[in-house]
Amino acid sequence: MTALGLAMADGKITLSNKAIKHIPSLAVPPKANNDTGWIDEISINHFATQTAGFLKPGGYEAFVLQPGTQWHYSDGGPNWLAE
């Protein structure tokens, strides 16, 4: 989160930025995430607030919730944010 704050302070990123802009391979694998249509909805804010919709494990995981609809503790979102 410190790195996110520094990037924001430097004007390199905002919470409203779509994550796909910064991570072209976002949420794939697993390939099934493409079928949800949700990848383009994920913002940096979703990662920072644990509302990106990923499962708990830290690897490449499937969505369990539509991004932004519900808080769900997950290592997947913060791991993508670290990218």
N, C-alpha and C. Protein backbone atom coordinates (compact mmCIF):
# COMPACT_ATOMS: atom_id res chain seq x y z
N MET A 1 0.82 -1.18 0.00
CA MET A 1 0.00 0.00 0.00
C MET A 1 0.87 1.25 0.00
N THR A 2 2.05 1.17 0.57
CA THR A 2 2.95 2.31 0.56
C THR A 2 3.34 2.67 -0.87
N ALA A 3 3.64 1.66 -1.67
CA ALA A 3 4.01 1.90 -3.07
C ALA A 3 2.84 2.54 -3.82
N LEU A 4 1.62 2.12 -3.52
CA LEU A 4 0.45 2.73 -4.16
C LEU A 4 0.37 4.20 -3.79
N GLY A 5 0.56 4.52 -2.52
CA GLY A 5 0.53 5.91 -2.08
C GLY A 5 1.59 6.75 -2.76
N LEU A 6 2.78 6.20 -2.90
CA LEU A 6 3.86 6.93 -3.58
C LEU A 6 3.54 7.14 -5.06
N ALA A 7 3.00 6.12 -5.71
CA ALA A 7 2.63 6.25 -7.12
C ALA A 7 1.53 7.30 -7.30
N MET A 8 0.60 7.34 -6.37
CA MET A 8 -0.46 8.35 -6.42
C MET A 8 0.12 9.74 -6.19
N ALA A 9 1.01 9.88 -5.22
CA ALA A 9 1.63 11.18 -4.93
C ALA A 9 2.44 11.69 -6.12
N ASP A 10 3.03 10.77 -6.87
CA ASP A 10 3.80 11.15 -8.07
C ASP A 10 2.93 11.36 -9.29
N GLY A 11 1.61 11.16 -9.15
CA GLY A 11 0.69 11.35 -10.27
C GLY A 11 0.75 10.25 -11.31
N LYS A 12 1.28 9.10 -10.95
CA LYS A 12 1.40 7.99 -11.90
C LYS A 12 0.16 7.12 -11.96
N ILE A 13 -0.70 7.22 -10.94
CA ILE A 13 -1.88 6.36 -10.88
C ILE A 13 -2.92 7.04 -10.00
N THR A 14 -4.18 6.73 -10.25
CA THR A 14 -5.26 7.19 -9.38
C THR A 14 -6.10 5.98 -9.00
N LEU A 15 -6.86 6.11 -7.94
CA LEU A 15 -7.72 5.00 -7.52
C LEU A 15 -8.79 4.67 -8.56
N SER A 16 -9.17 5.66 -9.36
CA SER A 16 -10.21 5.41 -10.36
C SER A 16 -9.67 4.81 -11.65
N ASN A 17 -8.33 4.73 -11.81
CA ASN A 17 -7.78 4.10 -13.01
C ASN A 17 -8.27 2.67 -13.14
N LYS A 18 -8.58 2.28 -14.35
CA LYS A 18 -8.91 0.88 -14.61
C LYS A 18 -7.62 0.07 -14.55
N ALA A 19 -7.63 -1.02 -13.85
CA ALA A 19 -6.43 -1.82 -13.64
C ALA A 19 -5.87 -2.38 -14.94
N ILE A 20 -6.73 -2.68 -15.89
CA ILE A 20 -6.30 -3.25 -17.17
C ILE A 20 -5.34 -2.31 -17.90
N LYS A 21 -5.47 -1.01 -17.63
CA LYS A 21 -4.58 0.00 -18.24
C LYS A 21 -3.13 -0.24 -17.81
N HIS A 22 -2.95 -0.72 -16.61
CA HIS A 22 -1.61 -0.92 -16.06
C HIS A 22 -1.15 -2.37 -16.10
N ILE A 23 -2.09 -3.31 -16.19
CA ILE A 23 -1.77 -4.74 -16.17
C ILE A 23 -2.53 -5.42 -17.32
N PRO A 24 -1.99 -5.41 -18.53
CA PRO A 24 -2.70 -5.98 -19.68
C PRO A 24 -3.12 -7.45 -19.52
N SER A 25 -2.40 -8.21 -18.70
CA SER A 25 -2.73 -9.62 -18.51
C SER A 25 -3.63 -9.85 -17.30
N LEU A 26 -4.25 -8.80 -16.81
CA LEU A 26 -5.04 -8.85 -15.59
C LEU A 26 -6.06 -9.99 -15.57
N ALA A 27 -6.05 -10.72 -14.47
CA ALA A 27 -7.04 -11.75 -14.13
C ALA A 27 -6.99 -13.00 -15.00
N VAL A 28 -5.98 -13.14 -15.84
CA VAL A 28 -5.85 -14.33 -16.68
C VAL A 28 -4.44 -14.85 -16.54
N PRO A 29 -4.19 -16.03 -16.07
CA PRO A 29 -5.17 -17.08 -15.84
C PRO A 29 -6.00 -16.82 -14.58
N PRO A 30 -7.05 -17.54 -14.36
CA PRO A 30 -7.63 -18.57 -15.22
C PRO A 30 -8.41 -17.96 -16.37
N LYS A 31 -8.43 -18.66 -17.47
CA LYS A 31 -9.08 -18.20 -18.69
C LYS A 31 -10.58 -17.93 -18.48
N ALA A 32 -11.20 -18.63 -17.55
CA ALA A 32 -12.63 -18.46 -17.28
C ALA A 32 -12.98 -17.04 -16.85
N ASN A 33 -12.02 -16.29 -16.30
CA ASN A 33 -12.29 -14.91 -15.92
C ASN A 33 -12.65 -14.04 -17.12
N ASN A 34 -12.13 -14.39 -18.30
CA ASN A 34 -12.50 -13.65 -19.52
C ASN A 34 -14.00 -13.73 -19.78
N ASP A 35 -14.59 -14.86 -19.47
CA ASP A 35 -16.00 -15.11 -19.77
C ASP A 35 -16.95 -14.28 -18.91
N THR A 36 -16.48 -13.74 -17.81
CA THR A 36 -17.35 -12.98 -16.91
C THR A 36 -17.67 -11.59 -17.45
N GLY A 37 -16.76 -11.02 -18.24
CA GLY A 37 -16.92 -9.65 -18.71
C GLY A 37 -16.57 -8.62 -17.66
N TRP A 38 -15.98 -9.04 -16.54
CA TRP A 38 -15.72 -8.15 -15.41
C TRP A 38 -14.31 -7.57 -15.40
N ILE A 39 -13.41 -8.09 -16.16
CA ILE A 39 -12.01 -7.65 -16.09
C ILE A 39 -11.89 -6.15 -16.34
N ASP A 40 -12.58 -5.64 -17.32
CA ASP A 40 -12.50 -4.21 -17.65
C ASP A 40 -13.10 -3.32 -16.57
N GLU A 41 -13.88 -3.87 -15.66
CA GLU A 41 -14.51 -3.09 -14.59
C GLU A 41 -13.57 -2.83 -13.41
N ILE A 42 -12.55 -3.64 -13.25
CA ILE A 42 -11.71 -3.56 -12.06
C ILE A 42 -10.88 -2.28 -12.05
N SER A 43 -11.00 -1.54 -10.96
CA SER A 43 -10.21 -0.32 -10.79
C SER A 43 -9.13 -0.56 -9.73
N ILE A 44 -8.20 0.35 -9.67
CA ILE A 44 -7.17 0.28 -8.63
C ILE A 44 -7.82 0.34 -7.26
N ASN A 45 -8.89 1.12 -7.13
CA ASN A 45 -9.63 1.20 -5.88
C ASN A 45 -10.16 -0.16 -5.45
N HIS A 46 -10.63 -0.97 -6.39
CA HIS A 46 -11.13 -2.31 -6.05
C HIS A 46 -10.02 -3.15 -5.41
N PHE A 47 -8.80 -3.05 -5.95
CA PHE A 47 -7.69 -3.78 -5.35
C PHE A 47 -7.39 -3.25 -3.95
N ALA A 48 -7.36 -1.93 -3.81
CA ALA A 48 -6.98 -1.32 -2.54
C ALA A 48 -8.01 -1.55 -1.44
N THR A 49 -9.27 -1.81 -1.82
CA THR A 49 -10.34 -1.98 -0.83
C THR A 49 -10.86 -3.40 -0.73
N GLN A 50 -10.16 -4.35 -1.33
CA GLN A 50 -10.56 -5.77 -1.27
C GLN A 50 -11.94 -5.99 -1.88
N THR A 51 -12.26 -5.27 -2.93
CA THR A 51 -13.56 -5.45 -3.59
C THR A 51 -13.41 -5.83 -5.07
N ALA A 52 -12.26 -6.42 -5.43
CA ALA A 52 -12.03 -6.81 -6.82
C ALA A 52 -12.77 -8.09 -7.19
N GLY A 53 -13.17 -8.90 -6.20
CA GLY A 53 -13.98 -10.08 -6.46
C GLY A 53 -13.25 -11.39 -6.59
N PHE A 54 -11.98 -11.45 -6.21
CA PHE A 54 -11.21 -12.68 -6.34
C PHE A 54 -11.34 -13.57 -5.11
N LEU A 55 -11.07 -14.86 -5.30
CA LEU A 55 -11.01 -15.80 -4.20
C LEU A 55 -9.89 -15.43 -3.23
N LYS A 56 -9.86 -16.05 -2.09
CA LYS A 56 -8.87 -15.77 -1.04
C LYS A 56 -7.44 -16.16 -1.40
N PRO A 57 -7.18 -17.35 -1.97
CA PRO A 57 -5.78 -17.74 -2.18
C PRO A 57 -5.00 -16.70 -2.98
N GLY A 58 -3.71 -16.73 -2.84
CA GLY A 58 -2.88 -15.70 -3.45
C GLY A 58 -2.49 -15.93 -4.89
N GLY A 59 -2.80 -17.06 -5.46
CA GLY A 59 -2.41 -17.33 -6.84
C GLY A 59 -3.37 -16.70 -7.83
N TYR A 60 -3.32 -17.17 -9.03
CA TYR A 60 -4.23 -16.70 -10.07
C TYR A 60 -5.57 -17.39 -9.85
N GLU A 61 -6.55 -16.64 -9.42
CA GLU A 61 -7.82 -17.21 -8.99
C GLU A 61 -8.99 -16.71 -9.81
N ALA A 62 -10.07 -17.48 -9.77
CA ALA A 62 -11.30 -17.11 -10.45
C ALA A 62 -12.04 -16.05 -9.63
N PHE A 63 -12.87 -15.30 -10.34
CA PHE A 63 -13.75 -14.36 -9.66
C PHE A 63 -14.79 -15.13 -8.85
N VAL A 64 -15.16 -14.59 -7.70
CA VAL A 64 -16.27 -15.12 -6.93
C VAL A 64 -17.38 -14.08 -6.80
N LEU A 65 -17.04 -12.83 -7.09
CA LEU A 65 -18.00 -11.73 -7.00
C LEU A 65 -17.72 -10.75 -8.13
N GLN A 66 -18.74 -10.05 -8.57
CA GLN A 66 -18.54 -8.99 -9.54
C GLN A 66 -17.77 -7.86 -8.85
N PRO A 67 -16.73 -7.33 -9.50
CA PRO A 67 -15.93 -6.27 -8.89
C PRO A 67 -16.78 -5.10 -8.41
N GLY A 68 -16.46 -4.64 -7.20
CA GLY A 68 -17.12 -3.49 -6.62
C GLY A 68 -18.44 -3.76 -5.94
N THR A 69 -18.90 -4.99 -5.92
CA THR A 69 -20.22 -5.27 -5.34
C THR A 69 -20.17 -5.66 -3.87
N GLN A 70 -19.03 -6.17 -3.41
CA GLN A 70 -18.97 -6.66 -2.04
C GLN A 70 -17.52 -6.78 -1.60
N TRP A 71 -17.26 -6.49 -0.32
CA TRP A 71 -15.94 -6.69 0.25
C TRP A 71 -15.74 -8.19 0.42
N HIS A 72 -14.55 -8.66 0.06
CA HIS A 72 -14.22 -10.08 0.20
C HIS A 72 -12.71 -10.18 0.41
N TYR A 73 -12.30 -10.56 1.63
CA TYR A 73 -10.86 -10.65 1.90
C TYR A 73 -10.21 -11.61 0.91
N SER A 74 -9.15 -11.12 0.29
CA SER A 74 -8.50 -11.91 -0.75
C SER A 74 -7.04 -11.50 -0.87
N ASP A 75 -6.18 -12.47 -1.11
CA ASP A 75 -4.80 -12.15 -1.45
C ASP A 75 -4.67 -11.89 -2.95
N GLY A 76 -5.61 -12.39 -3.73
CA GLY A 76 -5.54 -12.25 -5.19
C GLY A 76 -5.53 -10.81 -5.65
N GLY A 77 -6.43 -9.98 -5.13
CA GLY A 77 -6.48 -8.57 -5.53
C GLY A 77 -5.21 -7.82 -5.18
N PRO A 78 -4.75 -7.87 -3.93
CA PRO A 78 -3.51 -7.20 -3.59
C PRO A 78 -2.31 -7.74 -4.38
N ASN A 79 -2.31 -9.03 -4.70
CA ASN A 79 -1.21 -9.57 -5.51
C ASN A 79 -1.22 -8.97 -6.91
N TRP A 80 -2.41 -8.80 -7.50
CA TRP A 80 -2.48 -8.14 -8.80
C TRP A 80 -2.05 -6.68 -8.67
N LEU A 81 -2.43 -6.03 -7.58
CA LEU A 81 -2.04 -4.64 -7.35
C LEU A 81 -0.52 -4.53 -7.28
N ALA A 82 0.13 -5.50 -6.68
CA ALA A 82 1.58 -5.48 -6.58
C ALA A 82 2.25 -5.53 -7.96
N GLU A 83 1.56 -6.10 -8.93
CA GLU A 83 2.09 -6.14 -10.30
C GLU A 83 2.35 -4.74 -10.78
